[in-house]
């Protein structure tokens, strides 16, 4: 897991829906693609409020290390993380890499 910032911008190529679905099937089974918002997202459900806060802190740390920042949502019993490359207007390989990084660290917890 690299802490090297990932670079992305308007010239970063967006992935096709077929490419995204291949990554979801092969590498990211807990994630889904929300076509209406053009985001890669994962929802984790758990009891209480503290654990979703802990996941938010973990995601914030990873985002800061990677230089690519997801949208985060949390509440009692759930945490959601959403990746998209805003400058590119959709999901890119950068988002896939960040989702994989999040899952790898989540496995340690």
Protein backbone atom coordinates (compact mmCIF):
# COMPACT_ATOMS: atom_id res chain seq x y z
CA UNK A 1 0.00 0.00 0.00
CA UNK A 2 1.58 3.18 -1.18
CA UNK A 3 1.26 6.54 0.52
CA UNK A 4 2.38 8.25 -2.68
CA UNK A 5 -0.24 10.74 -3.79
CA UNK A 6 -2.13 9.72 -6.89
CA UNK A 7 -2.38 12.38 -9.53
CA UNK A 8 -5.59 13.00 -11.37
CA UNK A 9 -7.28 15.79 -13.19
CA UNK A 10 -9.43 16.70 -16.15
CA UNK A 11 -7.13 14.70 -18.45
CA UNK A 12 -7.45 11.51 -16.36
CA UNK A 13 -9.45 9.07 -18.50
CA UNK A 14 -12.79 7.90 -17.12
CA UNK A 15 -13.46 4.20 -17.02
CA UNK A 16 -16.33 2.77 -19.02
CA UNK A 17 -19.18 1.15 -17.15
CA UNK A 18 -17.97 -2.21 -18.46
CA UNK A 19 -14.47 -1.58 -17.04
CA UNK A 20 -15.94 -0.49 -13.71
CA UNK A 21 -18.13 -3.61 -13.54
CA UNK A 22 -15.12 -5.82 -14.26
CA UNK A 23 -13.24 -4.24 -11.34
CA UNK A 24 -16.26 -4.64 -9.09
CA UNK A 25 -16.60 -8.29 -9.98
CA UNK A 26 -12.88 -9.13 -9.85
CA UNK A 27 -11.45 -6.83 -7.18
CA UNK A 28 -14.15 -4.96 -5.27
CA UNK A 29 -17.10 -7.25 -4.52
CA UNK A 30 -18.33 -5.08 -1.62
CA UNK A 31 -18.55 -1.97 -3.82
CA UNK A 32 -21.15 -0.86 -6.34
CA UNK A 33 -21.32 1.69 -9.11
CA UNK A 34 -24.05 4.31 -8.74
CA UNK A 35 -24.69 5.38 -12.31
CA UNK A 36 -26.96 8.28 -11.33
CA UNK A 37 -24.21 9.95 -9.29
CA UNK A 38 -21.30 8.50 -11.27
CA UNK A 39 -19.57 7.23 -8.13
CA UNK A 40 -18.02 4.07 -6.81
CA UNK A 41 -19.49 3.45 -3.36
CA UNK A 42 -19.36 1.09 -0.43
CA UNK A 43 -21.66 1.00 2.57
CA UNK A 44 -20.60 -0.73 5.78
CA UNK A 45 -23.26 -1.45 8.37
CA UNK A 46 -22.42 -2.01 12.02
CA UNK A 47 -23.90 -1.42 15.44
CA UNK A 48 -23.60 1.90 17.19
CA UNK A 49 -22.14 5.23 16.22
CA UNK A 50 -18.49 5.02 17.30
CA UNK A 51 -17.47 2.40 14.72
CA UNK A 52 -18.75 4.46 11.77
CA UNK A 53 -16.78 7.40 13.17
CA UNK A 54 -13.66 5.21 13.36
CA UNK A 55 -14.10 4.23 9.70
CA UNK A 56 -14.53 7.87 8.80
CA UNK A 57 -11.24 8.66 10.54
CA UNK A 58 -9.55 5.76 8.74
CA UNK A 59 -10.87 6.90 5.36
CA UNK A 60 -9.79 10.47 6.10
CA UNK A 61 -6.27 9.34 6.94
CA UNK A 62 -6.00 7.20 3.78
CA UNK A 63 -7.39 10.02 1.63
CA UNK A 64 -4.88 12.46 3.04
CA UNK A 65 -2.05 10.02 2.37
CA UNK A 66 -3.18 9.31 -1.18
CA UNK A 67 -4.09 12.84 -2.19
CA UNK A 68 -7.50 11.69 -3.48
CA UNK A 69 -10.49 12.54 -1.35
CA UNK A 70 -13.78 10.62 -1.23
CA UNK A 71 -17.17 11.79 -0.08
CA UNK A 72 -17.98 10.27 3.29
CA UNK A 73 -21.31 9.72 5.02
CA UNK A 74 -22.01 8.25 8.40
CA UNK A 75 -24.74 7.83 10.94
CA UNK A 76 -25.82 5.46 13.64
CA UNK A 77 -25.10 2.00 12.30
CA UNK A 78 -23.56 2.86 8.92
CA UNK A 79 -20.62 4.35 7.07
CA UNK A 80 -20.50 5.14 3.34
CA UNK A 81 -17.54 6.02 1.20
CA UNK A 82 -17.87 7.30 -2.38
CA UNK A 83 -15.09 7.77 -4.89
CA UNK A 84 -15.23 9.72 -8.13
CA UNK A 85 -12.72 11.91 -9.93
CA UNK A 86 -14.61 15.19 -10.09
CA UNK A 87 -12.20 16.80 -12.57
CA UNK A 88 -12.64 13.86 -14.96
CA UNK A 89 -16.38 13.70 -14.46
CA UNK A 90 -16.57 10.10 -13.33
CA UNK A 91 -14.83 7.01 -12.02
CA UNK A 92 -11.18 6.57 -13.01
CA UNK A 93 -8.41 4.08 -12.26
CA UNK A 94 -7.44 6.38 -9.39
CA UNK A 95 -10.81 5.72 -7.73
CA UNK A 96 -10.39 1.96 -8.19
CA UNK A 97 -6.92 2.09 -6.60
CA UNK A 98 -8.21 4.11 -3.65
CA UNK A 99 -11.12 1.71 -3.11
CA UNK A 100 -8.69 -1.22 -3.17
CA UNK A 101 -6.44 0.57 -0.67
CA UNK A 102 -9.40 1.20 1.64
CA UNK A 103 -10.46 -2.46 1.47
CA UNK A 104 -6.91 -3.66 2.17
CA UNK A 105 -6.68 -1.55 5.32
CA UNK A 106 -10.21 -2.44 6.36
CA UNK A 107 -9.20 -6.11 6.34
CA UNK A 108 -6.68 -5.34 9.09
CA UNK A 109 -9.30 -3.89 11.41
